[in-house]
PDB file of N, CA and C in Angstrom:
ATOM      1  N   MET A   1      16.511  27.940   9.646  1.00  0.00           N
ATOM      2  CA  MET A   1      16.082  26.569   9.670  1.00  0.00           C
ATOM      3  C   MET A   1      15.475  26.175  10.853  1.00  0.00           C
ATOM      4  N   MET A   2      14.421  25.327  10.592  1.00  0.00           N
ATOM      5  CA  MET A   2      13.590  24.772  11.835  1.00  0.00           C
ATOM      6  C   MET A   2      14.387  23.634  12.425  1.00  0.00           C
ATOM      7  N   GLU A   3      14.442  23.518  13.482  1.00  0.00           N
ATOM      8  CA  GLU A   3      15.068  22.299  14.251  1.00  0.00           C
ATOM      9  C   GLU A   3      14.073  21.138  14.233  1.00  0.00           C
ATOM     10  N   GLU A   4      14.572  19.914  13.880  1.00  0.00           N
ATOM     11  CA  GLU A   4      13.560  18.940  13.724  1.00  0.00           C
ATOM     12  C   GLU A   4      13.532  18.221  15.042  1.00  0.00           C
ATOM     13  N   THR A   5      12.219  18.039  15.675  1.00  0.00           N
ATOM     14  CA  THR A   5      12.062  17.400  17.050  1.00  0.00           C
ATOM     15  C   THR A   5      11.492  16.005  16.775  1.00  0.00           C
ATOM     16  N   HIS A   6      11.512  15.051  17.688  1.00  0.00           N
ATOM     17  CA  HIS A   6      10.951  13.835  17.661  1.00  0.00           C
ATOM     18  C   HIS A   6      10.214  13.669  18.826  1.00  0.00           C
ATOM     19  N   HIS A   7       8.865  13.329  18.805  1.00  0.00           N
ATOM     20  CA  HIS A   7       8.121  13.297  19.935  1.00  0.00           C
ATOM     21  C   HIS A   7       7.835  11.863  20.190  1.00  0.00           C
ATOM     22  N   ILE A   8       8.836  11.183  20.661  1.00  0.00           N
ATOM     23  CA  ILE A   8       8.946   9.891  20.987  1.00  0.00           C
ATOM     24  C   ILE A   8       7.669   9.417  22.075  1.00  0.00           C
ATOM     25  N   GLY A   9       6.948   8.404  21.920  1.00  0.00           N
ATOM     26  CA  GLY A   9       6.017   7.893  22.833  1.00  0.00           C
ATOM     27  C   GLY A   9       4.692   8.610  22.718  1.00  0.00           C
ATOM     28  N   LEU A  10       4.555   9.662  21.978  1.00  0.00           N
ATOM     29  CA  LEU A  10       3.131  10.270  21.715  1.00  0.00           C
ATOM     30  C   LEU A  10       2.537   9.209  20.606  1.00  0.00           C
ATOM     31  N   LYS A  11       1.125   9.153  20.879  1.00  0.00           N
ATOM     32  CA  LYS A  11       0.324   8.295  19.987  1.00  0.00           C
ATOM     33  C   LYS A  11      -0.722   9.166  19.289  1.00  0.00           C
ATOM     34  N   ILE A  12      -1.122   8.810  18.028  1.00  0.00           N
ATOM     35  CA  ILE A  12      -1.929   9.516  17.327  1.00  0.00           C
ATOM     36  C   ILE A  12      -3.008   8.670  16.883  1.00  0.00           C
ATOM     37  N   GLY A  13      -4.458   9.208  16.805  1.00  0.00           N
ATOM     38  CA  GLY A  13      -5.535   8.524  16.186  1.00  0.00           C
ATOM     39  C   GLY A  13      -6.114   9.500  15.254  1.00  0.00           C
ATOM     40  N   SER A  14      -6.588   8.924  14.204  1.00  0.00           N
ATOM     41  CA  SER A  14      -7.020   9.745  13.020  1.00  0.00           C
ATOM     42  C   SER A  14      -8.623   9.434  12.634  1.00  0.00           C
ATOM     43  N   LEU A  15      -9.389  10.339  12.656  1.00  0.00           N
ATOM     44  CA  LEU A  15     -10.772  10.220  12.308  1.00  0.00           C
ATOM     45  C   LEU A  15     -10.970  10.830  10.829  1.00  0.00           C
ATOM     46  N   PHE A  16     -11.933  10.238  10.244  1.00  0.00           N
ATOM     47  CA  PHE A  16     -12.157  10.548   8.699  1.00  0.00           C
ATOM     48  C   PHE A  16     -10.684  10.673   8.062  1.00  0.00           C
ATOM     49  N   ASP A  17     -10.083   9.580   8.193  1.00  0.00           N
ATOM     50  CA  ASP A  17      -8.676   9.510   7.894  1.00  0.00           C
ATOM     51  C   ASP A  17      -8.201   9.754   6.401  1.00  0.00           C
ATOM     52  N   GLY A  18      -8.992   9.521   5.357  1.00  0.00           N
ATOM     53  CA  GLY A  18      -8.658   9.590   3.926  1.00  0.00           C
ATOM     54  C   GLY A  18      -7.524   8.484   3.861  1.00  0.00           C
ATOM     55  N   ILE A  19      -6.405   9.050   3.181  1.00  0.00           N
ATOM     56  CA  ILE A  19      -5.376   7.889   2.827  1.00  0.00           C
ATOM     57  C   ILE A  19      -4.325   7.984   3.656  1.00  0.00           C
ATOM     58  N   GLY A  20      -4.590   8.615   5.003  1.00  0.00           N
ATOM     59  CA  GLY A  20      -3.612   8.344   6.030  1.00  0.00           C
ATOM     60  C   GLY A  20      -2.565   9.517   6.199  1.00  0.00           C
ATOM     61  N   VAL A  21      -2.675  10.625   5.635  1.00  0.00           N
ATOM     62  CA  VAL A  21      -1.780  11.651   5.673  1.00  0.00           C
ATOM     63  C   VAL A  21      -1.310  12.107   7.168  1.00  0.00           C
ATOM     64  N   PHE A  22      -2.297  12.238   8.006  1.00  0.00           N
ATOM     65  CA  PHE A  22      -1.764  12.545   9.434  1.00  0.00           C
ATOM     66  C   PHE A  22      -0.992  11.439  10.080  1.00  0.00           C
ATOM     67  N   PRO A  23      -1.413  10.143   9.996  1.00  0.00           N
ATOM     68  CA  PRO A  23      -0.486   9.154  10.426  1.00  0.00           C
ATOM     69  C   PRO A  23       0.925   9.164   9.870  1.00  0.00           C
ATOM     70  N   LEU A  24       0.875   9.280   8.472  1.00  0.00           N
ATOM     71  CA  LEU A  24       2.123   9.266   7.796  1.00  0.00           C
ATOM     72  C   LEU A  24       3.066  10.483   8.220  1.00  0.00           C
ATOM     73  N   VAL A  25       2.666  11.640   8.326  1.00  0.00           N
ATOM     74  CA  VAL A  25       3.442  12.798   8.822  1.00  0.00           C
ATOM     75  C   VAL A  25       3.696  12.529  10.308  1.00  0.00           C
ATOM     76  N   GLY A  26       2.877  12.099  11.117  1.00  0.00           N
ATOM     77  CA  GLY A  26       3.174  11.956  12.536  1.00  0.00           C
ATOM     78  C   GLY A  26       4.262  10.913  12.807  1.00  0.00           C
ATOM     79  N   SER A  27       4.200   9.791  11.912  1.00  0.00           N
ATOM     80  CA  SER A  27       5.231   8.776  12.108  1.00  0.00           C
ATOM     81  C   SER A  27       6.662   9.287  11.578  1.00  0.00           C
ATOM     82  N   ARG A  28       6.564   9.993  10.652  1.00  0.00           N
ATOM     83  CA  ARG A  28       8.061  10.821  10.369  1.00  0.00           C
ATOM     84  C   ARG A  28       8.562  11.458  11.405  1.00  0.00           C
ATOM     85  N   TYR A  29       7.879  11.802  12.443  1.00  0.00           N
ATOM     86  CA  TYR A  29       8.168  12.559  13.570  1.00  0.00           C
ATOM     87  C   TYR A  29       8.240  11.724  15.056  1.00  0.00           C
ATOM     88  N   GLY A  30       8.257  10.347  14.814  1.00  0.00           N
ATOM     89  CA  GLY A  30       8.277   9.615  15.939  1.00  0.00           C
ATOM     90  C   GLY A  30       6.944   9.441  16.732  1.00  0.00           C
ATOM     91  N   ILE A  31       5.896   9.931  16.108  1.00  0.00           N
ATOM     92  CA  ILE A  31       4.463   9.829  16.646  1.00  0.00           C
ATOM     93  C   ILE A  31       3.859   8.514  16.245  1.00  0.00           C
ATOM     94  N   ILE A  32       3.452   7.618  17.204  1.00  0.00           N
ATOM     95  CA  ILE A  32       3.120   6.298  16.928  1.00  0.00           C
ATOM     96  C   ILE A  32       1.544   6.266  16.383  1.00  0.00           C
ATOM     97  N   PRO A  33       1.205   6.042  15.024  1.00  0.00           N
ATOM     98  CA  PRO A  33      -0.045   5.735  14.660  1.00  0.00           C
ATOM     99  C   PRO A  33      -0.813   4.562  15.334  1.00  0.00           C
ATOM    100  N   THR A  34      -1.747   4.903  15.912  1.00  0.00           N
ATOM    101  CA  THR A  34      -2.322   3.817  16.870  1.00  0.00           C
ATOM    102  C   THR A  34      -3.615   3.353  16.363  1.00  0.00           C
ATOM    103  N   TRP A  35      -4.584   4.258  15.824  1.00  0.00           N
ATOM    104  CA  TRP A  35      -5.881   3.792  15.381  1.00  0.00           C
ATOM    105  C   TRP A  35      -6.424   4.779  14.344  1.00  0.00           C
ATOM    106  N   VAL A  36      -7.261   4.232  13.532  1.00  0.00           N
ATOM    107  CA  VAL A  36      -7.832   5.117  12.524  1.00  0.00           C
ATOM    108  C   VAL A  36      -9.241   4.692  12.058  1.00  0.00           C
ATOM    109  N   SER A  37     -10.198   5.777  11.863  1.00  0.00           N
ATOM    110  CA  SER A  37     -11.446   5.566  11.429  1.00  0.00           C
ATOM    111  C   SER A  37     -11.754   6.267   9.898  1.00  0.00           C
ATOM    112  N   GLU A  38     -12.020   5.304   8.982  1.00  0.00           N
ATOM    113  CA  GLU A  38     -12.430   5.724   7.757  1.00  0.00           C
ATOM    114  C   GLU A  38     -13.163   4.598   7.007  1.00  0.00           C
ATOM    115  N   ILE A  39     -14.323   4.885   6.249  1.00  0.00           N
ATOM    116  CA  ILE A  39     -15.113   3.892   5.661  1.00  0.00           C
ATOM    117  C   ILE A  39     -14.994   3.668   4.209  1.00  0.00           C
ATOM    118  N   GLU A  40     -14.390   4.568   3.550  1.00  0.00           N
ATOM    119  CA  GLU A  40     -14.227   4.548   2.010  1.00  0.00           C
ATOM    120  C   GLU A  40     -13.179   3.418   1.726  1.00  0.00           C
ATOM    121  N   LYS A  41     -13.474   2.427   0.877  1.00  0.00           N
ATOM    122  CA  LYS A  41     -12.697   1.406   0.515  1.00  0.00           C
ATOM    123  C   LYS A  41     -11.246   1.586   0.095  1.00  0.00           C
ATOM    124  N   ALA A  42     -11.084   2.457  -0.921  1.00  0.00           N
ATOM    125  CA  ALA A  42      -9.785   2.819  -1.539  1.00  0.00           C
ATOM    126  C   ALA A  42      -8.861   3.472  -0.415  1.00  0.00           C
ATOM    127  N   PRO A  43      -9.352   4.499   0.214  1.00  0.00           N
ATOM    128  CA  PRO A  43      -8.340   5.036   1.252  1.00  0.00           C
ATOM    129  C   PRO A  43      -8.001   4.002   2.385  1.00  0.00           C
ATOM    130  N   VAL A  44      -8.863   3.175   2.826  1.00  0.00           N
ATOM    131  CA  VAL A  44      -8.684   2.232   3.831  1.00  0.00           C
ATOM    132  C   VAL A  44      -7.733   1.305   3.424  1.00  0.00           C
ATOM    133  N   SER A  45      -7.678   0.941   2.068  1.00  0.00           N
ATOM    134  CA  SER A  45      -6.685  -0.163   1.548  1.00  0.00           C
ATOM    135  C   SER A  45      -5.291   0.439   1.556  1.00  0.00           C
ATOM    136  N   ILE A  46      -5.300   1.874   1.199  1.00  0.00           N
ATOM    137  CA  ILE A  46      -3.961   2.589   1.264  1.00  0.00           C
ATOM    138  C   ILE A  46      -3.405   2.502   2.523  1.00  0.00           C
ATOM    139  N   THR A  47      -4.264   3.053   3.569  1.00  0.00           N
ATOM    140  CA  THR A  47      -3.779   3.076   4.997  1.00  0.00           C
ATOM    141  C   THR A  47      -3.429   1.762   5.582  1.00  0.00           C
ATOM    142  N   LYS A  48      -4.115   0.658   5.288  1.00  0.00           N
ATOM    143  CA  LYS A  48      -3.740  -0.741   5.624  1.00  0.00           C
ATOM    144  C   LYS A  48      -2.358  -1.162   4.982  1.00  0.00           C
ATOM    145  N   ARG A  49      -2.136  -0.693   3.886  1.00  0.00           N
ATOM    146  CA  ARG A  49      -0.964  -1.199   3.182  1.00  0.00           C
ATOM    147  C   ARG A  49       0.353  -0.379   3.972  1.00  0.00           C
ATOM    148  N   HIS A  50       0.138   0.842   4.212  1.00  0.00           N
ATOM    149  CA  HIS A  50       1.313   1.640   4.915  1.00  0.00           C
ATOM    150  C   HIS A  50       1.273   1.493   6.431  1.00  0.00           C
ATOM    151  N   PHE A  51       0.190   1.107   7.016  1.00  0.00           N
ATOM    152  CA  PHE A  51       0.196   1.128   8.430  1.00  0.00           C
ATOM    153  C   PHE A  51      -0.554  -0.217   8.952  1.00  0.00           C
ATOM    154  N   SER A  52      -0.213  -1.260   8.680  1.00  0.00           N
ATOM    155  CA  SER A  52      -0.983  -2.623   8.898  1.00  0.00           C
ATOM    156  C   SER A  52      -0.935  -2.867  10.367  1.00  0.00           C
ATOM    157  N   HIS A  53      -0.201  -2.177  11.091  1.00  0.00           N
ATOM    158  CA  HIS A  53      -0.359  -2.306  12.696  1.00  0.00           C
ATOM    159  C   HIS A  53      -1.371  -1.623  13.269  1.00  0.00           C
ATOM    160  N   MET A  54      -1.893  -0.579  12.667  1.00  0.00           N
ATOM    161  CA  MET A  54      -2.774   0.339  13.145  1.00  0.00           C
ATOM    162  C   MET A  54      -4.069  -0.487  13.315  1.00  0.00           C
ATOM    163  N   LEU A  55      -4.880   0.068  14.404  1.00  0.00           N
ATOM    164  CA  LEU A  55      -6.286  -0.602  14.658  1.00  0.00           C
ATOM    165  C   LEU A  55      -7.192   0.152  13.711  1.00  0.00           C
ATOM    166  N   HIS A  56      -7.819  -0.521  12.797  1.00  0.00           N
ATOM    167  CA  HIS A  56      -8.878   0.055  11.880  1.00  0.00           C
ATOM    168  C   HIS A  56     -10.255   0.075  12.454  1.00  0.00           C
ATOM    169  N   LEU A  57     -10.788   1.124  12.818  1.00  0.00           N
ATOM    170  CA  LEU A  57     -12.223   1.136  13.441  1.00  0.00           C
ATOM    171  C   LEU A  57     -13.212   1.314  12.586  1.00  0.00           C
ATOM    172  N   GLU A  58     -12.988   1.577  11.399  1.00  0.00           N
ATOM    173  CA  GLU A  58     -14.006   1.826  10.063  1.00  0.00           C
ATOM    174  C   GLU A  58     -15.032   2.835  10.566  1.00  0.00           C
ATOM    175  N   ASP A  59     -16.187   2.775  10.765  1.00  0.00           N
ATOM    176  CA  ASP A  59     -17.382   3.654  10.759  1.00  0.00           C
ATOM    177  C   ASP A  59     -17.396   4.481  12.234  1.00  0.00           C
ATOM    178  N   ILE A  60     -17.238   5.732  12.105  1.00  0.00           N
ATOM    179  CA  ILE A  60     -16.924   6.571  13.461  1.00  0.00           C
ATOM    180  C   ILE A  60     -18.434   6.456  14.188  1.00  0.00           C
ATOM    181  N   THR A  61     -19.313   6.250  13.549  1.00  0.00           N
ATOM    182  CA  THR A  61     -20.796   6.234  14.334  1.00  0.00           C
ATOM    183  C   THR A  61     -20.950   4.976  15.253  1.00  0.00           C
ATOM    184  N   LYS A  62     -19.979   4.025  15.000  1.00  0.00           N
ATOM    185  CA  LYS A  62     -20.060   2.721  15.696  1.00  0.00           C
ATOM    186  C   LYS A  62     -18.845   2.516  16.772  1.00  0.00           C
ATOM    187  N   ILE A  63     -18.162   3.619  17.031  1.00  0.00           N
ATOM    188  CA  ILE A  63     -16.957   3.659  17.815  1.00  0.00           C
ATOM    189  C   ILE A  63     -17.431   4.116  19.336  1.00  0.00           C
ATOM    190  N   ASP A  64     -17.064   3.366  20.261  1.00  0.00           N
ATOM    191  CA  ASP A  64     -17.047   3.577  21.777  1.00  0.00           C
ATOM    192  C   ASP A  64     -15.799   4.185  22.138  1.00  0.00           C
ATOM    193  N   GLY A  65     -15.699   5.432  22.305  1.00  0.00           N
ATOM    194  CA  GLY A  65     -14.425   6.078  22.881  1.00  0.00           C
ATOM    195  C   GLY A  65     -13.868   5.504  24.137  1.00  0.00           C
ATOM    196  N   GLY A  66     -14.657   4.964  24.955  1.00  0.00           N
ATOM    197  CA  GLY A  66     -14.196   4.364  26.022  1.00  0.00           C
ATOM    198  C   GLY A  66     -13.566   2.869  25.826  1.00  0.00           C
ATOM    199  N   GLU A  67     -13.632   2.443  24.594  1.00  0.00           N
ATOM    200  CA  GLU A  67     -13.121   1.062  24.418  1.00  0.00           C
ATOM    201  C   GLU A  67     -12.103   0.899  23.464  1.00  0.00           C
ATOM    202  N   ILE A  68     -11.481   2.175  23.062  1.00  0.00           N
ATOM    203  CA  ILE A  68     -10.345   2.222  22.084  1.00  0.00           C
ATOM    204  C   ILE A  68      -9.154   2.622  22.784  1.00  0.00           C
ATOM    205  N   PRO A  69      -7.848   2.319  22.401  1.00  0.00           N
ATOM    206  CA  PRO A  69      -6.692   2.715  23.019  1.00  0.00           C
ATOM    207  C   PRO A  69      -6.628   4.280  23.055  1.00  0.00           C
ATOM    208  N   PRO A  70      -6.304   4.836  24.322  1.00  0.00           N
ATOM    209  CA  PRO A  70      -6.027   6.223  24.262  1.00  0.00           C
ATOM    210  C   PRO A  70      -4.918   6.745  23.437  1.00  0.00           C
ATOM    211  N   VAL A  71      -4.965   7.945  23.057  1.00  0.00           N
ATOM    212  CA  VAL A  71      -3.929   8.599  22.275  1.00  0.00           C
ATOM    213  C   VAL A  71      -3.629   9.905  22.663  1.00  0.00           C
ATOM    214  N   HIS A  72      -2.567  10.591  22.461  1.00  0.00           N
ATOM    215  CA  HIS A  72      -2.207  11.834  22.819  1.00  0.00           C
ATOM    216  C   HIS A  72      -2.866  13.012  21.901  1.00  0.00           C
ATOM    217  N   VAL A  73      -2.977  12.561  20.479  1.00  0.00           N
ATOM    218  CA  VAL A  73      -3.218  13.487  19.538  1.00  0.00           C
ATOM    219  C   VAL A  73      -4.524  12.776  18.673  1.00  0.00           C
ATOM    220  N   ILE A  74      -5.535  13.630  18.452  1.00  0.00           N
ATOM    221  CA  ILE A  74      -6.731  13.092  17.730  1.00  0.00           C
ATOM    222  C   ILE A  74      -6.608  14.044  16.429  1.00  0.00           C
ATOM    223  N   THR A  75      -6.538  13.483  15.248  1.00  0.00           N
ATOM    224  CA  THR A  75      -6.609  14.400  13.996  1.00  0.00           C
ATOM    225  C   THR A  75      -8.019  14.012  13.239  1.00  0.00           C
ATOM    226  N   PHE A  76      -8.228  14.841  12.295  1.00  0.00           N
ATOM    227  CA  PHE A  76      -9.330  14.529  11.594  1.00  0.00           C
ATOM    228  C   PHE A  76      -9.325  15.279  10.244  1.00  0.00           C
ATOM    229  N   GLY A  77      -9.648  14.651   9.108  1.00  0.00           N
ATOM    230  CA  GLY A  77      -9.729  15.319   7.885  1.00  0.00           C
ATOM    231  C   GLY A  77     -11.220  15.675   7.698  1.00  0.00           C
ATOM    232  N   SER A  78     -11.368  16.777   7.033  1.00  0.00           N
ATOM    233  CA  SER A  78     -12.813  17.340   6.670  1.00  0.00           C
ATOM    234  C   SER A  78     -13.347  16.295   5.832  1.00  0.00           C
ATOM    235  N   PRO A  79     -14.628  15.692   5.993  1.00  0.00           N
ATOM    236  CA  PRO A  79     -15.246  14.825   5.283  1.00  0.00           C
ATOM    237  C   PRO A  79     -15.319  15.405   3.867  1.00  0.00           C
ATOM    238  N   CYS A  80     -15.018  14.569   2.737  1.00  0.00           N
ATOM    239  CA  CYS A  80     -15.065  14.965   1.333  1.00  0.00           C
ATOM    240  C   CYS A  80     -16.391  15.114   0.819  1.00  0.00           C
ATOM    241  N   GLN A  81     -17.149  16.261   1.017  1.00  0.00           N
ATOM    242  CA  GLN A  81     -18.329  16.435   0.653  1.00  0.00           C
ATOM    243  C   GLN A  81     -18.303  17.873  -0.182  1.00  0.00           C
ATOM    244  N   ASN A  82     -19.206  17.793  -1.242  1.00  0.00           N
ATOM    245  CA  ASN A  82     -19.405  19.074  -1.881  1.00  0.00           C
ATOM    246  C   ASN A  82     -20.528  19.937  -1.329  1.00  0.00           C
ATOM    247  N   LEU A  83     -20.187  20.509  -0.263  1.00  0.00           N
ATOM    248  CA  LEU A  83     -21.013  21.402   0.366  1.00  0.00           C
ATOM    249  C   LEU A  83     -20.862  22.974  -0.044  1.00  0.00           C
TER     250      LEU A  83
END
Protein backbone atom coordinates (compact mmCIF):
# COMPACT_ATOMS: atom_id res chain seq x y z
CA MET A 1 0.00 0.00 0.00
CA MET A 2 1.32 3.44 -0.94
CA GLU A 3 1.77 5.96 1.82
CA GLU A 4 -0.21 9.13 1.20
CA THR A 5 1.91 12.26 1.34
CA HIS A 6 0.80 15.86 1.51
CA HIS A 7 2.88 18.55 -0.18
CA ILE A 8 1.74 21.49 1.90
CA GLY A 9 2.75 24.83 0.44
CA LEU A 10 3.42 23.67 -3.11
CA LYS A 11 1.55 25.63 -5.79
CA ILE A 12 0.37 24.42 -9.19
CA GLY A 13 -0.34 26.21 -12.48
CA SER A 14 -2.20 24.44 -15.28
CA LEU A 15 -1.89 25.16 -19.02
CA PHE A 16 -4.39 23.78 -21.58
CA ASP A 17 -6.32 22.93 -18.44
CA GLY A 18 -9.47 21.34 -19.83
CA ILE A 19 -11.84 20.60 -16.95
CA GLY A 20 -9.21 21.07 -14.25
CA VAL A 21 -8.09 17.50 -13.56
CA PHE A 22 -4.52 18.46 -12.55
CA PRO A 23 -5.67 21.15 -10.07
CA LEU A 24 -8.27 18.72 -8.70
CA VAL A 25 -5.77 15.92 -8.07
CA GLY A 26 -3.17 18.33 -6.73
CA SER A 27 -5.63 19.86 -4.31
CA ARG A 28 -6.40 16.40 -2.93
CA TYR A 29 -2.75 16.16 -1.89
CA GLY A 30 -2.39 19.63 -0.41
CA ILE A 31 -1.03 21.32 -3.55
CA ILE A 32 -2.55 24.78 -4.00
CA PRO A 33 -4.18 25.43 -7.41
CA THR A 34 -2.92 28.93 -8.23
CA TRP A 35 -3.62 29.75 -11.88
CA VAL A 36 -5.03 28.15 -14.99
CA SER A 37 -5.00 28.81 -18.75
CA GLU A 38 -7.88 27.54 -20.88
CA ILE A 39 -9.98 29.15 -23.65
CA GLU A 40 -12.87 26.72 -24.18
CA LYS A 41 -16.00 28.04 -22.48
CA ALA A 42 -17.42 24.76 -21.10
CA PRO A 43 -14.19 23.61 -19.40
CA VAL A 44 -13.56 27.12 -18.06
CA SER A 45 -17.01 27.16 -16.43
CA ILE A 46 -16.33 23.81 -14.75
CA THR A 47 -12.95 24.92 -13.41
CA LYS A 48 -14.36 28.26 -12.20
CA ARG A 49 -17.11 26.42 -10.34
CA HIS A 50 -14.66 24.09 -8.58
CA PHE A 51 -11.75 26.55 -8.16
CA SER A 52 -13.19 30.05 -8.03
CA HIS A 53 -10.13 31.28 -6.10
CA MET A 54 -7.74 30.43 -8.98
CA LEU A 55 -6.46 33.10 -11.33
CA HIS A 56 -7.94 32.38 -14.78
CA LEU A 57 -5.43 33.54 -17.40
CA GLU A 58 -7.44 32.44 -20.46
CA ASP A 59 -5.44 32.54 -23.75
CA ILE A 60 -1.90 31.16 -23.36
CA THR A 61 -0.64 33.35 -26.21
CA LYS A 62 -1.42 36.46 -24.15
CA ILE A 63 0.32 35.38 -20.93
CA ASP A 64 3.51 37.10 -19.80
CA GLY A 65 5.23 34.57 -17.54
CA GLY A 66 6.99 37.33 -15.66
CA GLU A 67 3.68 38.83 -14.55
CA ILE A 68 1.91 35.79 -13.10
CA PRO A 69 2.34 34.30 -9.63
CA PRO A 70 5.19 31.78 -9.46
CA VAL A 71 4.32 28.13 -8.92
CA HIS A 72 6.30 25.01 -8.06
CA VAL A 73 4.57 22.74 -10.59
CA ILE A 74 3.31 23.51 -14.11
CA THR A 75 1.05 20.94 -15.72
CA PHE A 76 -0.54 20.84 -19.15
CA GLY A 77 -3.04 18.77 -21.01
CA SER A 78 -2.44 17.84 -24.57
CA PRO A 79 -4.54 20.19 -26.72
CA CYS A 80 -7.65 18.36 -27.88
CA GLN A 81 -6.91 18.13 -31.60
CA ASN A 82 -7.54 15.35 -34.06
CA LEU A 83 -3.94 15.08 -35.28
